[in-house]
Protein backbone atom coordinates (compact mmCIF):
# COMPACT_ATOMS: atom_id res chain seq x y z
CA MET A 1 -0.26 -0.12 0.21
CA THR A 2 1.23 3.61 -0.92
CA PRO A 3 1.57 6.04 1.75
CA GLU A 4 -1.69 7.79 0.20
CA GLN A 5 -3.32 4.73 0.15
CA GLN A 6 -2.55 4.03 3.92
CA ILE A 7 -3.66 7.45 4.74
CA GLN A 8 -6.75 6.83 3.06
CA HIS A 9 -7.44 3.69 4.45
CA GLU A 10 -6.77 5.51 7.94
CA ILE A 11 -9.10 7.89 7.11
CA ALA A 12 -11.77 5.27 5.99
CA GLU A 13 -11.72 3.64 9.32
CA ASN A 14 -11.96 6.54 11.40
CA LEU A 15 -14.86 7.56 9.41
CA ILE A 16 -16.59 4.32 10.11
CA CYS A 17 -15.57 4.45 13.83
CA ILE A 18 -16.98 7.60 14.40
CA GLY A 19 -20.42 7.35 12.78
CA GLU A 20 -20.55 3.64 13.74
CA VAL A 21 -23.83 3.45 15.68
CA LEU A 22 -25.62 5.64 12.91
CA PHE A 23 -24.17 3.48 10.17
CA SER A 24 -24.87 0.12 11.88
CA ALA A 25 -28.67 1.50 12.12
CA GLN A 26 -28.92 2.56 8.48
CA ALA A 27 -27.52 -0.66 7.58
CA TRP A 28 -30.27 -2.56 9.33
CA LYS A 29 -32.84 -0.32 8.15
CA PHE A 30 -31.90 -0.56 4.49
CA PHE A 31 -31.52 -4.19 4.84
CA GLN A 32 -35.24 -4.53 6.18
CA LYS A 33 -36.34 -2.50 3.14
CA LEU A 34 -34.16 -3.70 0.37
CA GLY A 35 -32.31 -6.93 1.20
CA ARG A 36 -28.40 -7.73 1.13
CA GLY A 37 -26.24 -4.83 0.37
CA TYR A 38 -23.66 -2.45 1.57
CA LEU A 39 -23.42 1.16 2.63
CA TYR A 40 -21.61 3.25 0.53
CA MET A 41 -19.54 6.83 1.44
CA HIS A 42 -17.51 8.99 -1.24
CA LYS A 43 -15.27 11.69 0.02
CA VAL A 44 -12.83 13.42 -2.09
CA ILE A 45 -9.25 14.40 -0.87
CA ARG A 46 -5.98 15.43 -2.04
CA ILE A 47 -2.84 14.65 0.14
CA GLU A 48 -0.07 16.69 -0.20
CA HIS A 49 3.37 15.54 1.16
CA THR A 50 5.29 18.39 2.72
CA GLY A 51 8.65 16.54 3.45
CA GLY A 52 9.47 13.79 5.56
CA ASN A 53 6.45 12.35 7.31
CA ASN A 54 4.51 15.85 7.24
CA PHE A 55 1.36 15.63 4.98
CA SER A 56 -1.81 17.88 4.64
CA VAL A 57 -5.17 16.05 3.78
CA LEU A 58 -7.58 18.65 1.77
CA GLU A 59 -10.77 17.93 1.59
CA GLY A 60 -12.70 18.50 -1.66
CA VAL A 61 -16.62 18.33 -2.35
CA SER A 62 -18.02 15.18 -3.56
CA GLN A 63 -20.34 14.93 -6.63
CA THR A 64 -22.99 12.71 -4.77
CA GLY A 65 -22.57 14.89 -1.40
CA ASP A 66 -21.68 13.89 1.95
CA ARG A 67 -24.57 11.18 2.29
CA MET A 68 -24.32 7.56 3.19
CA HIS A 69 -26.05 5.32 0.28
CA TYR A 70 -27.07 1.81 0.43
CA VAL A 71 -26.56 -0.09 -2.71
CA ALA A 72 -28.83 -3.37 -2.65
CA LYS A 73 -27.66 -6.78 -4.15
CA GLY A 74 -29.28 -7.04 -7.66
CA THR A 75 -30.04 -3.21 -8.06
CA GLN A 76 -29.07 -1.25 -11.15
CA ALA A 77 -26.35 0.47 -8.67
CA TRP A 78 -25.35 -2.94 -7.94
CA GLN A 79 -24.91 -4.14 -11.47
CA MET A 80 -22.85 -0.89 -12.46
CA MET A 81 -20.56 -1.49 -9.66
CA LYS A 82 -19.72 -5.10 -10.78
CA LEU A 83 -18.96 -3.68 -14.00
CA SER A 84 -17.15 -0.97 -12.90
CA SER A 85 -13.40 -0.70 -13.92
CA ALA A 86 -12.28 -0.87 -10.24
CA ALA A 87 -14.02 -4.50 -9.93
CA ALA A 88 -12.15 -5.41 -13.39
CA SER A 89 -8.76 -4.43 -12.36
CA GLN A 90 -8.97 -6.24 -8.85
CA PRO A 91 -10.74 -9.22 -9.55
CA ILE A 92 -9.56 -10.98 -6.32
CA LEU A 93 -10.76 -8.25 -3.69
CA TYR A 94 -14.04 -7.67 -5.80
CA ALA A 95 -14.57 -11.60 -5.40
CA GLN A 96 -13.81 -11.39 -1.55
CA PHE A 97 -16.42 -8.14 -1.31
CA TYR A 98 -19.17 -9.89 -3.22
CA ALA A 99 -18.51 -13.20 -0.94
CA SER A 100 -19.04 -10.76 1.89
CA ILE A 101 -22.02 -9.48 0.88
CA ASP A 102 -23.54 -13.16 0.42
CA ASN A 103 -22.36 -14.20 3.79
CA TYR A 104 -22.66 -11.41 6.43
CA ASN A 105 -25.25 -11.73 9.34
CA PRO A 106 -27.24 -8.20 8.75
CA SER A 107 -28.35 -8.51 12.29
CA LYS A 108 -24.88 -8.60 13.68
CA GLU A 109 -22.84 -7.07 10.67
CA TYR A 110 -22.66 -4.54 7.86
CA VAL A 111 -20.93 -4.00 5.13
CA VAL A 112 -19.49 -0.56 4.12
CA ILE A 113 -17.44 1.06 1.32
CA VAL A 114 -15.60 4.21 1.50
CA GLY A 115 -14.59 5.53 -2.01
CA PHE A 116 -12.23 8.43 -2.43
CA ASN A 117 -11.85 10.71 -5.39
CA TYR A 118 -13.00 10.19 -8.91
CA GLY A 119 -11.26 8.72 -12.09
CA SER A 120 -7.80 7.34 -12.40
CA ASP A 121 -7.39 8.74 -8.92
CA ALA A 122 -10.32 6.67 -7.48
CA ARG A 123 -10.10 4.15 -4.56
CA GLU A 124 -12.59 2.04 -2.63
CA TYR A 125 -11.91 0.83 0.48
CA PHE A 126 -14.42 -2.04 1.83
CA PHE A 127 -15.03 -3.39 5.71
CA LEU A 128 -16.91 -6.01 7.14
CA ARG A 129 -17.95 -4.22 10.44
CA LYS A 130 -18.91 -6.12 13.48
CA PRO A 131 -20.03 -3.30 16.07
CA GLU A 132 -20.22 -3.07 19.59
CA ILE A 133 -23.72 -2.29 19.24
CA PRO A 134 -25.23 -4.88 16.40
CA PRO A 135 -27.54 -3.12 13.62
CA GLN A 136 -30.51 -4.28 14.81
CA GLN A 137 -30.09 -2.83 18.36
CA ALA A 138 -28.53 0.22 16.72
CA PHE A 139 -31.68 0.91 14.73
CA LYS A 140 -34.04 0.48 17.82
CA ILE A 141 -31.74 2.99 19.84
CA VAL A 142 -31.78 5.33 17.01
CA SER A 143 -35.28 5.06 16.44
CA ASP A 144 -35.86 5.68 19.95
CA VAL A 145 -34.25 8.95 20.29
């Protein structure tokens, strides 16, 4: 993993940890409504090295906004993702991703992708999350607030 990819991966993990209860609740809500799938968050960032271990992370505006989206298995968005250049260029990674969608336990786990940038600079990181507060319970907590 390049230094930029490592930073993106850490940012992705931090974003998920910060919003874990809400993401978990949303995953359950969408699973109940649409079936198996994954949450998707897109971020636009530029990482600038300023020498040594110093760097700056500059956030841009995403064309999809800063919303979390749900992509249900079998939908048009799912088919587009399967045909994407990222899926074609990383068949082993995406085979693991598809297997996680087929096998995760929706009441205890959820799948999330954090995508960065567009075009040739685009990268996606997927995570199978087993949160401390399971999706079904997180949804109940969030709904009761």
